Amino acid sequence: MSELGAQRHHARERALEILYEASIKERPVDVIVSELTLAPDPYTVTIVHSADEHRDRAEELISRYAQDWTLERLALIDRLIMTMAIGELLLEDPPPSPVVLDEAVELAKVYSTDGSAAFVNGVLSACVENLK
């Protein structure tokens, strides 16, 4: 993995942690970010803000393509990973879709259940087609 790839991977992990904390505490992401003792790197902040800004669109897409699964039934981590990935894909100059999807799948493998990686991959693959 290149140095930029490693930095962005770390940024995505940190963004997921921030989004998770904001969700669990039911607090705005801006508040969570502002209260951190160690400020996250700029790309982490970009991902967090984009995920937050595009949450409604992301959740609409996830609901549409997560066949037979309501948002409420999805594991919180899976929902956040997919929301974060869609937010990243909606950036003005996003990374290539395959990179974002691969990173989302890797996050699901590490932080969620055994079946989550395949589920996240399937839903996000369908969402990407809609984003084009």
N, C-alpha and C. Protein backbone atom coordinates (compact mmCIF):
# COMPACT_ATOMS: atom_id res chain seq x y z
N MET A 1 0.86 -1.18 0.00
CA MET A 1 0.00 0.00 0.00
C MET A 1 0.90 1.24 0.00
N SER A 2 0.55 2.21 -0.83
CA SER A 2 1.32 3.44 -0.90
C SER A 2 1.18 4.24 0.39
N GLU A 3 2.02 5.24 0.55
CA GLU A 3 1.94 6.07 1.76
C GLU A 3 0.59 6.79 1.81
N LEU A 4 0.13 7.32 0.67
CA LEU A 4 -1.17 7.98 0.63
C LEU A 4 -2.28 6.99 0.94
N GLY A 5 -2.18 5.79 0.39
CA GLY A 5 -3.17 4.75 0.66
C GLY A 5 -3.25 4.42 2.14
N ALA A 6 -2.10 4.30 2.78
CA ALA A 6 -2.06 4.00 4.21
C ALA A 6 -2.63 5.15 5.03
N GLN A 7 -2.32 6.39 4.63
CA GLN A 7 -2.86 7.55 5.34
C GLN A 7 -4.38 7.61 5.21
N ARG A 8 -4.87 7.34 4.01
CA ARG A 8 -6.32 7.39 3.80
C ARG A 8 -7.03 6.24 4.51
N HIS A 9 -6.39 5.08 4.57
CA HIS A 9 -6.97 3.96 5.31
C HIS A 9 -7.13 4.34 6.78
N HIS A 10 -6.08 4.91 7.33
CA HIS A 10 -6.13 5.35 8.73
C HIS A 10 -7.20 6.43 8.91
N ALA A 11 -7.31 7.34 7.95
CA ALA A 11 -8.32 8.40 8.02
C ALA A 11 -9.73 7.81 8.02
N ARG A 12 -9.94 6.78 7.21
CA ARG A 12 -11.26 6.14 7.17
C ARG A 12 -11.58 5.43 8.49
N GLU A 13 -10.58 4.76 9.06
CA GLU A 13 -10.80 4.13 10.37
C GLU A 13 -11.16 5.17 11.42
N ARG A 14 -10.43 6.26 11.42
CA ARG A 14 -10.69 7.33 12.40
C ARG A 14 -12.05 7.97 12.16
N ALA A 15 -12.42 8.16 10.91
CA ALA A 15 -13.73 8.73 10.58
C ALA A 15 -14.84 7.80 11.08
N LEU A 16 -14.66 6.50 10.91
CA LEU A 16 -15.66 5.55 11.40
C LEU A 16 -15.80 5.64 12.91
N GLU A 17 -14.68 5.76 13.62
CA GLU A 17 -14.72 5.91 15.08
C GLU A 17 -15.50 7.16 15.48
N ILE A 18 -15.26 8.26 14.79
CA ILE A 18 -15.95 9.52 15.10
C ILE A 18 -17.43 9.42 14.81
N LEU A 19 -17.78 8.85 13.65
CA LEU A 19 -19.20 8.69 13.31
C LEU A 19 -19.90 7.76 14.30
N TYR A 20 -19.20 6.72 14.73
CA TYR A 20 -19.76 5.80 15.71
C TYR A 20 -20.01 6.51 17.04
N GLU A 21 -19.02 7.26 17.49
CA GLU A 21 -19.16 7.99 18.75
C GLU A 21 -20.32 8.98 18.67
N ALA A 22 -20.43 9.71 17.57
CA ALA A 22 -21.52 10.68 17.41
C ALA A 22 -22.87 9.97 17.42
N SER A 23 -22.95 8.81 16.80
CA SER A 23 -24.20 8.07 16.75
C SER A 23 -24.59 7.52 18.12
N ILE A 24 -23.63 6.92 18.81
CA ILE A 24 -23.90 6.33 20.12
C ILE A 24 -24.28 7.41 21.13
N LYS A 25 -23.59 8.52 21.08
CA LYS A 25 -23.86 9.61 22.03
C LYS A 25 -25.00 10.52 21.57
N GLU A 26 -25.49 10.28 20.33
CA GLU A 26 -26.55 11.10 19.76
C GLU A 26 -26.19 12.58 19.80
N ARG A 27 -24.98 12.87 19.31
CA ARG A 27 -24.47 14.23 19.28
C ARG A 27 -24.00 14.54 17.86
N PRO A 28 -24.02 15.79 17.47
CA PRO A 28 -23.55 16.16 16.13
C PRO A 28 -22.07 15.84 15.96
N VAL A 29 -21.70 15.45 14.75
CA VAL A 29 -20.30 15.10 14.49
C VAL A 29 -19.38 16.29 14.72
N ASP A 30 -19.84 17.49 14.41
CA ASP A 30 -19.00 18.68 14.62
C ASP A 30 -18.63 18.84 16.10
N VAL A 31 -19.56 18.52 16.98
CA VAL A 31 -19.29 18.62 18.41
C VAL A 31 -18.26 17.57 18.82
N ILE A 32 -18.44 16.37 18.32
CA ILE A 32 -17.49 15.29 18.65
C ILE A 32 -16.09 15.67 18.17
N VAL A 33 -15.99 16.15 16.93
CA VAL A 33 -14.68 16.52 16.37
C VAL A 33 -14.07 17.66 17.18
N SER A 34 -14.86 18.65 17.54
CA SER A 34 -14.32 19.81 18.27
C SER A 34 -13.85 19.45 19.67
N GLU A 35 -14.39 18.38 20.25
CA GLU A 35 -14.02 17.99 21.61
C GLU A 35 -12.86 17.00 21.67
N LEU A 36 -12.37 16.57 20.55
CA LEU A 36 -11.25 15.62 20.54
C LEU A 36 -9.98 16.30 21.04
N THR A 37 -9.24 15.60 21.88
CA THR A 37 -7.99 16.18 22.39
C THR A 37 -6.92 16.21 21.30
N LEU A 38 -6.96 15.27 20.39
CA LEU A 38 -6.03 15.24 19.27
C LEU A 38 -6.85 15.43 17.99
N ALA A 39 -6.66 16.55 17.33
CA ALA A 39 -7.43 16.85 16.13
C ALA A 39 -7.15 15.81 15.04
N PRO A 40 -8.20 15.33 14.39
CA PRO A 40 -7.99 14.36 13.31
C PRO A 40 -7.37 15.04 12.09
N ASP A 41 -6.77 14.24 11.22
CA ASP A 41 -6.16 14.79 10.02
C ASP A 41 -7.25 15.34 9.09
N PRO A 42 -6.88 16.21 8.17
CA PRO A 42 -7.87 16.86 7.31
C PRO A 42 -8.75 15.90 6.51
N TYR A 43 -8.18 14.79 6.02
CA TYR A 43 -9.00 13.87 5.23
C TYR A 43 -10.06 13.18 6.09
N THR A 44 -9.73 12.89 7.34
CA THR A 44 -10.71 12.33 8.26
C THR A 44 -11.88 13.29 8.42
N VAL A 45 -11.57 14.55 8.63
CA VAL A 45 -12.61 15.57 8.80
C VAL A 45 -13.44 15.68 7.53
N THR A 46 -12.80 15.63 6.38
CA THR A 46 -13.52 15.68 5.10
C THR A 46 -14.51 14.53 4.99
N ILE A 47 -14.06 13.32 5.31
CA ILE A 47 -14.94 12.15 5.22
C ILE A 47 -16.10 12.27 6.20
N VAL A 48 -15.80 12.66 7.43
CA VAL A 48 -16.84 12.79 8.45
C VAL A 48 -17.90 13.81 8.01
N HIS A 49 -17.45 14.96 7.54
CA HIS A 49 -18.39 16.01 7.14
C HIS A 49 -19.21 15.59 5.92
N SER A 50 -18.57 14.91 4.97
CA SER A 50 -19.30 14.47 3.78
C SER A 50 -20.33 13.40 4.14
N ALA A 51 -19.95 12.47 5.02
CA ALA A 51 -20.90 11.45 5.47
C ALA A 51 -22.09 12.09 6.16
N ASP A 52 -21.81 13.09 7.00
CA ASP A 52 -22.88 13.78 7.71
C ASP A 52 -23.76 14.58 6.75
N GLU A 53 -23.11 15.29 5.82
CA GLU A 53 -23.84 16.11 4.85
C GLU A 53 -24.74 15.28 3.95
N HIS A 54 -24.27 14.10 3.56
CA HIS A 54 -25.00 13.26 2.61
C HIS A 54 -25.74 12.09 3.28
N ARG A 55 -25.92 12.17 4.59
CA ARG A 55 -26.53 11.06 5.31
C ARG A 55 -27.91 10.69 4.76
N ASP A 56 -28.76 11.67 4.51
CA ASP A 56 -30.12 11.37 4.03
C ASP A 56 -30.08 10.63 2.70
N ARG A 57 -29.27 11.12 1.77
CA ARG A 57 -29.17 10.45 0.47
C ARG A 57 -28.58 9.05 0.62
N ALA A 58 -27.56 8.93 1.46
CA ALA A 58 -26.94 7.62 1.68
C ALA A 58 -27.95 6.64 2.28
N GLU A 59 -28.68 7.08 3.28
CA GLU A 59 -29.65 6.18 3.91
C GLU A 59 -30.78 5.81 2.96
N GLU A 60 -31.15 6.73 2.08
CA GLU A 60 -32.18 6.41 1.08
C GLU A 60 -31.66 5.33 0.14
N LEU A 61 -30.42 5.47 -0.31
CA LEU A 61 -29.82 4.47 -1.21
C LEU A 61 -29.65 3.13 -0.50
N ILE A 62 -29.15 3.17 0.71
CA ILE A 62 -28.96 1.93 1.48
C ILE A 62 -30.29 1.22 1.66
N SER A 63 -31.32 1.97 2.02
CA SER A 63 -32.66 1.39 2.19
C SER A 63 -33.16 0.75 0.91
N ARG A 64 -32.89 1.40 -0.21
CA ARG A 64 -33.36 0.89 -1.50
C ARG A 64 -32.67 -0.42 -1.87
N TYR A 65 -31.37 -0.52 -1.61
CA TYR A 65 -30.60 -1.67 -2.09
C TYR A 65 -30.31 -2.74 -1.05
N ALA A 66 -30.60 -2.49 0.20
CA ALA A 66 -30.43 -3.51 1.25
C ALA A 66 -31.73 -4.32 1.28
N GLN A 67 -31.87 -5.18 0.34
CA GLN A 67 -33.12 -5.92 0.15
C GLN A 67 -33.56 -6.62 1.44
N ASP A 68 -34.81 -6.37 1.79
CA ASP A 68 -35.45 -6.97 2.96
C ASP A 68 -34.83 -6.54 4.29
N TRP A 69 -34.06 -5.46 4.29
CA TRP A 69 -33.45 -4.94 5.52
C TRP A 69 -33.82 -3.47 5.67
N THR A 70 -34.43 -3.12 6.77
CA THR A 70 -34.67 -1.71 7.06
C THR A 70 -33.42 -1.15 7.71
N LEU A 71 -33.29 0.16 7.69
CA LEU A 71 -32.12 0.79 8.33
C LEU A 71 -32.02 0.40 9.80
N GLU A 72 -33.16 0.30 10.46
CA GLU A 72 -33.18 -0.02 11.89
C GLU A 72 -32.65 -1.42 12.16
N ARG A 73 -32.79 -2.33 11.20
CA ARG A 73 -32.33 -3.71 11.38
C ARG A 73 -30.85 -3.88 11.08
N LEU A 74 -30.28 -2.94 10.35
CA LEU A 74 -28.86 -3.05 9.99
C LEU A 74 -27.98 -2.83 11.22
N ALA A 75 -26.88 -3.53 11.25
CA ALA A 75 -25.89 -3.28 12.31
C ALA A 75 -25.41 -1.84 12.16
N LEU A 76 -25.30 -1.13 13.27
CA LEU A 76 -24.90 0.27 13.24
C LEU A 76 -23.58 0.46 12.50
N ILE A 77 -22.61 -0.38 12.75
CA ILE A 77 -21.31 -0.27 12.10
C ILE A 77 -21.46 -0.41 10.58
N ASP A 78 -22.25 -1.37 10.14
CA ASP A 78 -22.45 -1.56 8.70
C ASP A 78 -23.08 -0.32 8.09
N ARG A 79 -24.09 0.21 8.74
CA ARG A 79 -24.77 1.41 8.23
C ARG A 79 -23.80 2.59 8.17
N LEU A 80 -22.98 2.75 9.19
CA LEU A 80 -22.02 3.85 9.21
C LEU A 80 -20.94 3.67 8.13
N ILE A 81 -20.46 2.47 7.95
CA ILE A 81 -19.46 2.20 6.92
C ILE A 81 -20.02 2.55 5.54
N MET A 82 -21.25 2.14 5.28
CA MET A 82 -21.85 2.42 3.98
C MET A 82 -22.14 3.91 3.81
N THR A 83 -22.62 4.56 4.86
CA THR A 83 -22.88 6.00 4.79
C THR A 83 -21.59 6.76 4.54
N MET A 84 -20.54 6.35 5.23
CA MET A 84 -19.24 6.98 5.06
C MET A 84 -18.72 6.78 3.64
N ALA A 85 -18.85 5.59 3.10
CA ALA A 85 -18.38 5.31 1.74
C ALA A 85 -19.16 6.13 0.71
N ILE A 86 -20.46 6.20 0.87
CA ILE A 86 -21.27 7.00 -0.07
C ILE A 86 -20.90 8.47 0.06
N GLY A 87 -20.71 8.94 1.27
CA GLY A 87 -20.27 10.32 1.46
C GLY A 87 -18.95 10.58 0.77
N GLU A 88 -18.03 9.63 0.87
CA GLU A 88 -16.73 9.80 0.23
C GLU A 88 -16.87 9.81 -1.30
N LEU A 89 -17.75 8.96 -1.82
CA LEU A 89 -17.98 8.93 -3.27
C LEU A 89 -18.64 10.20 -3.78
N LEU A 90 -19.31 10.93 -2.89
CA LEU A 90 -19.98 12.17 -3.28
C LEU A 90 -19.10 13.41 -3.08
N LEU A 91 -17.85 13.21 -2.72
CA LEU A 91 -16.91 14.33 -2.63
C LEU A 91 -16.73 14.96 -4.00
N GLU A 92 -16.29 16.20 -4.02
CA GLU A 92 -16.08 16.89 -5.30
C GLU A 92 -15.06 16.16 -6.17
N ASP A 93 -14.00 15.66 -5.56
CA ASP A 93 -12.97 14.91 -6.29
C ASP A 93 -12.74 13.58 -5.55
N PRO A 94 -13.68 12.63 -5.73
CA PRO A 94 -13.59 11.39 -4.93
C PRO A 94 -12.49 10.45 -5.42
N PRO A 95 -12.04 9.58 -4.53
CA PRO A 95 -11.15 8.51 -4.97
C PRO A 95 -11.92 7.58 -5.91
N PRO A 96 -11.25 6.72 -6.64
CA PRO A 96 -11.95 5.78 -7.52
C PRO A 96 -12.93 4.91 -6.72
N SER A 97 -14.08 4.65 -7.31
CA SER A 97 -15.11 3.84 -6.64
C SER A 97 -14.58 2.50 -6.13
N PRO A 98 -13.79 1.76 -6.93
CA PRO A 98 -13.30 0.48 -6.43
C PRO A 98 -12.46 0.61 -5.16
N VAL A 99 -11.72 1.70 -5.04
CA VAL A 99 -10.90 1.93 -3.84
C VAL A 99 -11.81 2.14 -2.63
N VAL A 100 -12.81 2.98 -2.78
CA VAL A 100 -13.73 3.27 -1.68
C VAL A 100 -14.48 2.00 -1.27
N LEU A 101 -14.95 1.22 -2.26
CA LEU A 101 -15.67 -0.01 -1.94
C LEU A 101 -14.76 -1.01 -1.24
N ASP A 102 -13.53 -1.15 -1.73
CA ASP A 102 -12.59 -2.08 -1.11
C ASP A 102 -12.31 -1.68 0.34
N GLU A 103 -12.12 -0.39 0.57
CA GLU A 103 -11.87 0.08 1.94
C GLU A 103 -13.08 -0.18 2.84
N ALA A 104 -14.28 0.03 2.32
CA ALA A 104 -15.49 -0.22 3.11
C ALA A 104 -15.59 -1.70 3.47
N VAL A 105 -15.29 -2.56 2.52
CA VAL A 105 -15.32 -4.00 2.77
C VAL A 105 -14.28 -4.38 3.83
N GLU A 106 -13.10 -3.82 3.72
CA GLU A 106 -12.05 -4.10 4.71
C GLU A 106 -12.46 -3.62 6.10
N LEU A 107 -13.08 -2.45 6.20
CA LEU A 107 -13.56 -1.97 7.50
C LEU A 107 -14.63 -2.91 8.06
N ALA A 108 -15.50 -3.40 7.20
CA ALA A 108 -16.55 -4.33 7.65
C ALA A 108 -15.93 -5.64 8.15
N LYS A 109 -14.89 -6.11 7.47
CA LYS A 109 -14.21 -7.34 7.90
C LYS A 109 -13.61 -7.18 9.29
N VAL A 110 -13.05 -6.02 9.56
CA VAL A 110 -12.36 -5.79 10.83
C VAL A 110 -13.33 -5.44 11.95
N TYR A 111 -14.32 -4.60 11.68
CA TYR A 111 -15.13 -4.03 12.74
C TYR A 111 -16.55 -4.59 12.85
N SER A 112 -16.94 -5.49 11.95
CA SER A 112 -18.31 -5.98 12.01
C SER A 112 -18.35 -7.50 11.99
N THR A 113 -19.48 -8.05 11.60
CA THR A 113 -19.70 -9.49 11.66
C THR A 113 -19.10 -10.22 10.46
N ASP A 114 -19.09 -11.53 10.51
CA ASP A 114 -18.53 -12.34 9.42
C ASP A 114 -19.21 -12.08 8.08
N GLY A 115 -20.52 -11.92 8.07
CA GLY A 115 -21.24 -11.71 6.82
C GLY A 115 -21.31 -10.28 6.36
N SER A 116 -20.81 -9.37 7.17
CA SER A 116 -20.95 -7.95 6.86
C SER A 116 -20.19 -7.52 5.61
N ALA A 117 -19.01 -8.05 5.41
CA ALA A 117 -18.20 -7.62 4.26
C ALA A 117 -18.95 -7.87 2.95
N ALA A 118 -19.51 -9.04 2.79
CA ALA A 118 -20.24 -9.36 1.56
C ALA A 118 -21.50 -8.50 1.44
N PHE A 119 -22.18 -8.29 2.55
CA PHE A 119 -23.39 -7.47 2.55
C PHE A 119 -23.05 -6.03 2.16
N VAL A 120 -22.04 -5.45 2.81
CA VAL A 120 -21.62 -4.08 2.52
C VAL A 120 -21.20 -3.96 1.05
N ASN A 121 -20.45 -4.94 0.56
CA ASN A 121 -20.01 -4.92 -0.83
C ASN A 121 -21.21 -4.94 -1.79
N GLY A 122 -22.17 -5.80 -1.53
CA GLY A 122 -23.34 -5.90 -2.40
C GLY A 122 -24.17 -4.63 -2.43
N VAL A 123 -24.45 -4.09 -1.26
CA VAL A 123 -25.27 -2.87 -1.18
C VAL A 123 -24.52 -1.70 -1.81
N LEU A 124 -23.26 -1.53 -1.46
CA LEU A 124 -22.51 -0.39 -2.02
C LEU A 124 -22.32 -0.52 -3.53
N SER A 125 -22.12 -1.72 -4.02
CA SER A 125 -21.98 -1.91 -5.48
C SER A 125 -23.23 -1.43 -6.20
N ALA A 126 -24.40 -1.75 -5.65
CA ALA A 126 -25.66 -1.29 -6.24
C ALA A 126 -25.79 0.23 -6.11
N CYS A 127 -25.38 0.77 -4.98
CA CYS A 127 -25.45 2.23 -4.77
C CYS A 127 -24.56 2.97 -5.75
N VAL A 128 -23.38 2.45 -6.02
CA VAL A 128 -22.44 3.10 -6.92
C VAL A 128 -23.05 3.27 -8.30
N GLU A 129 -23.76 2.26 -8.76
CA GLU A 129 -24.41 2.33 -10.06
C GLU A 129 -25.41 3.49 -10.08
N ASN A 130 -26.07 3.74 -8.96
CA ASN A 130 -27.05 4.82 -8.87
C ASN A 130 -26.38 6.19 -8.80
N LEU A 131 -25.18 6.24 -8.28
CA LEU A 131 -24.47 7.51 -8.12
C LEU A 131 -23.86 8.02 -9.42
N LYS A 132 -23.73 7.14 -10.42
CA LYS A 132 -23.09 7.53 -11.69
C LYS A 132 -24.00 8.43 -12.48
